Amino acid sequence: MKITVLGSGSAYGVPMMFNTFGNASSCNPKNNRTRPSVFLETEDKCVLIDAGPELRLQICSA
């Protein structure tokens, strides 16, 4: 079984539209996190768990 984590942020993603970065710069791509989802693969099946609104961006970069 192969497990791919497609996001590592909170349920709101990072940065949050109603929050600030504090000392972190939003220009640095390492300071951006998409909402979490998981892709499971076996030899005969694939399962996507908890696909969020950023799924299109996560799949393209995976």
PDB file of N, CA and C in Angstrom:
ATOM      1  N   MET A   1       0.842  -1.174   0.000  1.00  0.00           N
ATOM      2  CA  MET A   1       0.000   0.000   0.000  1.00  0.00           C
ATOM      3  C   MET A   1       0.887   1.236   0.000  1.00  0.00           C
ATOM      4  N   LYS A   2       0.516   2.217  -0.812  1.00  0.00           N
ATOM      5  CA  LYS A   2       1.219   3.491  -0.857  1.00  0.00           C
ATOM      6  C   LYS A   2       0.278   4.569  -0.317  1.00  0.00           C
ATOM      7  N   ILE A   3       0.772   5.386   0.598  1.00  0.00           N
ATOM      8  CA  ILE A   3      -0.012   6.468   1.187  1.00  0.00           C
ATOM      9  C   ILE A   3       0.658   7.781   0.832  1.00  0.00           C
ATOM     10  N   THR A   4      -0.108   8.690   0.213  1.00  0.00           N
ATOM     11  CA  THR A   4       0.398  10.005  -0.144  1.00  0.00           C
ATOM     12  C   THR A   4      -0.416  11.060   0.591  1.00  0.00           C
ATOM     13  N   VAL A   5       0.250  11.895   1.385  1.00  0.00           N
ATOM     14  CA  VAL A   5      -0.412  12.997   2.083  1.00  0.00           C
ATOM     15  C   VAL A   5      -0.395  14.187   1.132  1.00  0.00           C
ATOM     16  N   LEU A   6      -1.582  14.717   0.817  1.00  0.00           N
ATOM     17  CA  LEU A   6      -1.700  15.781  -0.180  1.00  0.00           C
ATOM     18  C   LEU A   6      -1.866  17.168   0.426  1.00  0.00           C
ATOM     19  N   GLY A   7      -1.653  17.327   1.674  1.00  0.00           N
ATOM     20  CA  GLY A   7      -1.738  18.632   2.309  1.00  0.00           C
ATOM     21  C   GLY A   7      -1.329  18.488   3.758  1.00  0.00           C
ATOM     22  N   SER A   8      -0.849  19.560   4.355  1.00  0.00           N
ATOM     23  CA  SER A   8      -0.363  19.441   5.726  1.00  0.00           C
ATOM     24  C   SER A   8      -0.800  20.608   6.603  1.00  0.00           C
ATOM     25  N   GLY A   9      -1.761  21.375   6.146  1.00  0.00           N
ATOM     26  CA  GLY A   9      -2.216  22.526   6.917  1.00  0.00           C
ATOM     27  C   GLY A   9      -3.400  22.196   7.807  1.00  0.00           C
ATOM     28  N   SER A  10      -3.960  23.223   8.367  1.00  0.00           N
ATOM     29  CA  SER A  10      -5.134  23.058   9.220  1.00  0.00           C
ATOM     30  C   SER A  10      -6.382  22.902   8.348  1.00  0.00           C
ATOM     31  N   ALA A  11      -7.528  22.792   8.959  1.00  0.00           N
ATOM     32  CA  ALA A  11      -8.781  22.689   8.225  1.00  0.00           C
ATOM     33  C   ALA A  11      -9.063  23.941   7.406  1.00  0.00           C
ATOM     34  N   TYR A  12      -8.412  25.055   7.741  1.00  0.00           N
ATOM     35  CA  TYR A  12      -8.612  26.313   7.019  1.00  0.00           C
ATOM     36  C   TYR A  12      -7.521  26.585   6.009  1.00  0.00           C
ATOM     37  N   GLY A  13      -6.445  25.800   6.003  1.00  0.00           N
ATOM     38  CA  GLY A  13      -5.295  26.087   5.160  1.00  0.00           C
ATOM     39  C   GLY A  13      -4.455  27.193   5.794  1.00  0.00           C
ATOM     40  N   VAL A  14      -3.273  27.410   5.262  1.00  0.00           N
ATOM     41  CA  VAL A  14      -2.386  28.452   5.781  1.00  0.00           C
ATOM     42  C   VAL A  14      -1.821  29.215   4.590  1.00  0.00           C
ATOM     43  N   PRO A  15      -1.885  30.498   4.478  1.00  0.00           N
ATOM     44  CA  PRO A  15      -2.405  31.404   5.491  1.00  0.00           C
ATOM     45  C   PRO A  15      -3.930  31.401   5.503  1.00  0.00           C
ATOM     46  N   MET A  16      -4.496  31.702   6.651  1.00  0.00           N
ATOM     47  CA  MET A  16      -5.943  31.825   6.755  1.00  0.00           C
ATOM     48  C   MET A  16      -6.341  33.219   6.298  1.00  0.00           C
ATOM     49  N   MET A  17      -7.453  33.328   5.609  1.00  0.00           N
ATOM     50  CA  MET A  17      -7.855  34.631   5.100  1.00  0.00           C
ATOM     51  C   MET A  17      -8.207  35.602   6.215  1.00  0.00           C
ATOM     52  N   PHE A  18      -8.441  35.092   7.425  1.00  0.00           N
ATOM     53  CA  PHE A  18      -8.782  35.967   8.542  1.00  0.00           C
ATOM     54  C   PHE A  18      -7.671  36.029   9.581  1.00  0.00           C
ATOM     55  N   ASN A  19      -6.460  35.618   9.204  1.00  0.00           N
ATOM     56  CA  ASN A  19      -5.341  35.586  10.143  1.00  0.00           C
ATOM     57  C   ASN A  19      -4.101  36.176   9.471  1.00  0.00           C
ATOM     58  N   THR A  20      -3.100  36.505  10.239  1.00  0.00           N
ATOM     59  CA  THR A  20      -1.851  37.001   9.681  1.00  0.00           C
ATOM     60  C   THR A  20      -0.752  35.964   9.871  1.00  0.00           C
ATOM     61  N   PHE A  21       0.365  36.194   9.241  1.00  0.00           N
ATOM     62  CA  PHE A  21       1.499  35.282   9.323  1.00  0.00           C
ATOM     63  C   PHE A  21       2.358  35.510  10.555  1.00  0.00           C
ATOM     64  N   GLY A  22       2.214  36.619  11.204  1.00  0.00           N
ATOM     65  CA  GLY A  22       3.141  36.934  12.281  1.00  0.00           C
ATOM     66  C   GLY A  22       4.486  37.305  11.685  1.00  0.00           C
ATOM     67  N   ASN A  23       5.569  36.661  12.110  1.00  0.00           N
ATOM     68  CA  ASN A  23       6.911  36.968  11.602  1.00  0.00           C
ATOM     69  C   ASN A  23       7.234  36.257  10.289  1.00  0.00           C
ATOM     70  N   ALA A  24       6.422  35.296   9.867  1.00  0.00           N
ATOM     71  CA  ALA A  24       6.682  34.551   8.641  1.00  0.00           C
ATOM     72  C   ALA A  24       6.241  35.362   7.423  1.00  0.00           C
ATOM     73  N   SER A  25       6.969  35.247   6.326  1.00  0.00           N
ATOM     74  CA  SER A  25       6.645  35.966   5.099  1.00  0.00           C
ATOM     75  C   SER A  25       5.734  35.122   4.213  1.00  0.00           C
ATOM     76  N   SER A  26       4.638  35.704   3.750  1.00  0.00           N
ATOM     77  CA  SER A  26       3.732  34.979   2.858  1.00  0.00           C
ATOM     78  C   SER A  26       4.327  34.815   1.465  1.00  0.00           C
ATOM     79  N   CYS A  27       5.436  35.501   1.165  1.00  0.00           N
ATOM     80  CA  CYS A  27       6.103  35.365  -0.135  1.00  0.00           C
ATOM     81  C   CYS A  27       6.887  34.056  -0.236  1.00  0.00           C
ATOM     82  N   ASN A  28       7.228  33.453   0.893  1.00  0.00           N
ATOM     83  CA  ASN A  28       7.977  32.199   0.908  1.00  0.00           C
ATOM     84  C   ASN A  28       7.006  31.035   0.735  1.00  0.00           C
ATOM     85  N   PRO A  29       7.121  30.228  -0.333  1.00  0.00           N
ATOM     86  CA  PRO A  29       6.186  29.120  -0.553  1.00  0.00           C
ATOM     87  C   PRO A  29       6.181  28.089   0.574  1.00  0.00           C
ATOM     88  N   LYS A  30       7.250  28.023   1.366  1.00  0.00           N
ATOM     89  CA  LYS A  30       7.276  27.082   2.490  1.00  0.00           C
ATOM     90  C   LYS A  30       6.326  27.506   3.608  1.00  0.00           C
ATOM     91  N   ASN A  31       5.833  28.732   3.563  1.00  0.00           N
ATOM     92  CA  ASN A  31       4.905  29.221   4.579  1.00  0.00           C
ATOM     93  C   ASN A  31       3.446  29.040   4.179  1.00  0.00           C
ATOM     94  N   ASN A  32       3.190  28.341   3.088  1.00  0.00           N
ATOM     95  CA  ASN A  32       1.832  28.060   2.636  1.00  0.00           C
ATOM     96  C   ASN A  32       1.536  26.575   2.818  1.00  0.00           C
ATOM     97  N   ARG A  33       0.383  26.272   3.372  1.00  0.00           N
ATOM     98  CA  ARG A  33      -0.036  24.879   3.583  1.00  0.00           C
ATOM     99  C   ARG A  33      -1.457  24.712   3.077  1.00  0.00           C
ATOM    100  N   THR A  34      -1.678  23.665   2.309  1.00  0.00           N
ATOM    101  CA  THR A  34      -3.038  23.371   1.860  1.00  0.00           C
ATOM    102  C   THR A  34      -3.731  22.475   2.876  1.00  0.00           C
ATOM    103  N   ARG A  35      -5.025  22.397   2.773  1.00  0.00           N
ATOM    104  CA  ARG A  35      -5.803  21.572   3.704  1.00  0.00           C
ATOM    105  C   ARG A  35      -5.482  20.097   3.479  1.00  0.00           C
ATOM    106  N   PRO A  36      -5.538  19.311   4.534  1.00  0.00           N
ATOM    107  CA  PRO A  36      -5.096  17.925   4.415  1.00  0.00           C
ATOM    108  C   PRO A  36      -6.072  17.027   3.663  1.00  0.00           C
ATOM    109  N   SER A  37      -5.521  16.138   2.873  1.00  0.00           N
ATOM    110  CA  SER A  37      -6.239  15.024   2.277  1.00  0.00           C
ATOM    111  C   SER A  37      -5.219  13.909   2.062  1.00  0.00           C
ATOM    112  N   VAL A  38      -5.703  12.697   1.876  1.00  0.00           N
ATOM    113  CA  VAL A  38      -4.826  11.526   1.770  1.00  0.00           C
ATOM    114  C   VAL A  38      -5.254  10.697   0.565  1.00  0.00           C
ATOM    115  N   PHE A  39      -4.275  10.186  -0.168  1.00  0.00           N
ATOM    116  CA  PHE A  39      -4.523   9.317  -1.317  1.00  0.00           C
ATOM    117  C   PHE A  39      -3.895   7.960  -1.022  1.00  0.00           C
ATOM    118  N   LEU A  40      -4.712   6.914  -0.982  1.00  0.00           N
ATOM    119  CA  LEU A  40      -4.249   5.545  -0.716  1.00  0.00           C
ATOM    120  C   LEU A  40      -4.252   4.760  -2.016  1.00  0.00           C
ATOM    121  N   GLU A  41      -3.184   4.005  -2.262  1.00  0.00           N
ATOM    122  CA  GLU A  41      -3.093   3.180  -3.468  1.00  0.00           C
ATOM    123  C   GLU A  41      -2.693   1.757  -3.101  1.00  0.00           C
ATOM    124  N   THR A  42      -3.402   0.794  -3.644  1.00  0.00           N
ATOM    125  CA  THR A  42      -2.997  -0.612  -3.577  1.00  0.00           C
ATOM    126  C   THR A  42      -2.826  -1.083  -5.011  1.00  0.00           C
ATOM    127  N   GLU A  43      -2.563  -2.356  -5.189  1.00  0.00           N
ATOM    128  CA  GLU A  43      -2.366  -2.874  -6.544  1.00  0.00           C
ATOM    129  C   GLU A  43      -3.618  -2.741  -7.403  1.00  0.00           C
ATOM    130  N   ASP A  44      -4.799  -2.826  -6.791  1.00  0.00           N
ATOM    131  CA  ASP A  44      -6.027  -2.816  -7.593  1.00  0.00           C
ATOM    132  C   ASP A  44      -7.020  -1.705  -7.260  1.00  0.00           C
ATOM    133  N   LYS A  45      -6.733  -0.888  -6.240  1.00  0.00           N
ATOM    134  CA  LYS A  45      -7.685   0.161  -5.865  1.00  0.00           C
ATOM    135  C   LYS A  45      -6.959   1.436  -5.448  1.00  0.00           C
ATOM    136  N   CYS A  46      -7.650   2.559  -5.638  1.00  0.00           N
ATOM    137  CA  CYS A  46      -7.185   3.863  -5.170  1.00  0.00           C
ATOM    138  C   CYS A  46      -8.327   4.514  -4.398  1.00  0.00           C
ATOM    139  N   VAL A  47      -7.996   5.142  -3.277  1.00  0.00           N
ATOM    140  CA  VAL A  47      -9.005   5.791  -2.447  1.00  0.00           C
ATOM    141  C   VAL A  47      -8.508   7.182  -2.079  1.00  0.00           C
ATOM    142  N   LEU A  48      -9.355   8.179  -2.301  1.00  0.00           N
ATOM    143  CA  LEU A  48      -9.058   9.554  -1.924  1.00  0.00           C
ATOM    144  C   LEU A  48      -9.886   9.883  -0.692  1.00  0.00           C
ATOM    145  N   ILE A  49      -9.213  10.350   0.364  1.00  0.00           N
ATOM    146  CA  ILE A  49      -9.876  10.622   1.636  1.00  0.00           C
ATOM    147  C   ILE A  49      -9.841  12.115   1.923  1.00  0.00           C
ATOM    148  N   ASP A  50     -11.004  12.677   2.210  1.00  0.00           N
ATOM    149  CA  ASP A  50     -11.145  14.062   2.668  1.00  0.00           C
ATOM    150  C   ASP A  50     -10.555  15.064   1.686  1.00  0.00           C
ATOM    151  N   ALA A  51     -11.032  15.033   0.442  1.00  0.00           N
ATOM    152  CA  ALA A  51     -10.548  15.966  -0.575  1.00  0.00           C
ATOM    153  C   ALA A  51     -11.057  17.366  -0.274  1.00  0.00           C
ATOM    154  N   GLY A  52     -10.131  18.306  -0.159  1.00  0.00           N
ATOM    155  CA  GLY A  52     -10.488  19.682   0.129  1.00  0.00           C
ATOM    156  C   GLY A  52     -10.562  20.525  -1.133  1.00  0.00           C
ATOM    157  N   PRO A  53     -10.787  21.832  -0.985  1.00  0.00           N
ATOM    158  CA  PRO A  53     -10.915  22.710  -2.130  1.00  0.00           C
ATOM    159  C   PRO A  53      -9.620  22.879  -2.935  1.00  0.00           C
ATOM    160  N   GLU A  54      -8.460  22.564  -2.349  1.00  0.00           N
ATOM    161  CA  GLU A  54      -7.201  22.693  -3.063  1.00  0.00           C
ATOM    162  C   GLU A  54      -6.797  21.413  -3.790  1.00  0.00           C
ATOM    163  N   LEU A  55      -7.685  20.446  -3.899  1.00  0.00           N
ATOM    164  CA  LEU A  55      -7.341  19.150  -4.482  1.00  0.00           C
ATOM    165  C   LEU A  55      -6.690  19.274  -5.857  1.00  0.00           C
ATOM    166  N   ARG A  56      -7.215  20.129  -6.700  1.00  0.00           N
ATOM    167  CA  ARG A  56      -6.644  20.291  -8.047  1.00  0.00           C
ATOM    168  C   ARG A  56      -5.177  20.708  -7.964  1.00  0.00           C
ATOM    169  N   LEU A  57      -4.843  21.618  -7.076  1.00  0.00           N
ATOM    170  CA  LEU A  57      -3.455  22.050  -6.911  1.00  0.00           C
ATOM    171  C   LEU A  57      -2.591  20.949  -6.317  1.00  0.00           C
ATOM    172  N   GLN A  58      -3.154  20.168  -5.384  1.00  0.00           N
ATOM    173  CA  GLN A  58      -2.391  19.098  -4.724  1.00  0.00           C
ATOM    174  C   GLN A  58      -2.085  17.967  -5.704  1.00  0.00           C
ATOM    175  N   ILE A  59      -3.036  17.582  -6.522  1.00  0.00           N
ATOM    176  CA  ILE A  59      -2.841  16.484  -7.474  1.00  0.00           C
ATOM    177  C   ILE A  59      -1.805  16.874  -8.516  1.00  0.00           C
ATOM    178  N   CYS A  60      -1.853  18.111  -8.994  1.00  0.00           N
ATOM    179  CA  CYS A  60      -0.904  18.564 -10.019  1.00  0.00           C
ATOM    180  C   CYS A  60       0.531  18.594  -9.497  1.00  0.00           C
ATOM    181  N   SER A  61       0.702  18.803  -8.201  1.00  0.00           N
ATOM    182  CA  SER A  61       2.063  18.893  -7.671  1.00  0.00           C
ATOM    183  C   SER A  61       2.543  17.589  -7.061  1.00  0.00           C
ATOM    184  N   ALA A  62       1.699  16.572  -6.991  1.00  0.00           N
ATOM    185  CA  ALA A  62       2.081  15.296  -6.384  1.00  0.00           C
ATOM    186  C   ALA A  62       2.889  14.448  -7.335  1.00  0.00           C
TER     187      ALA A  62
END
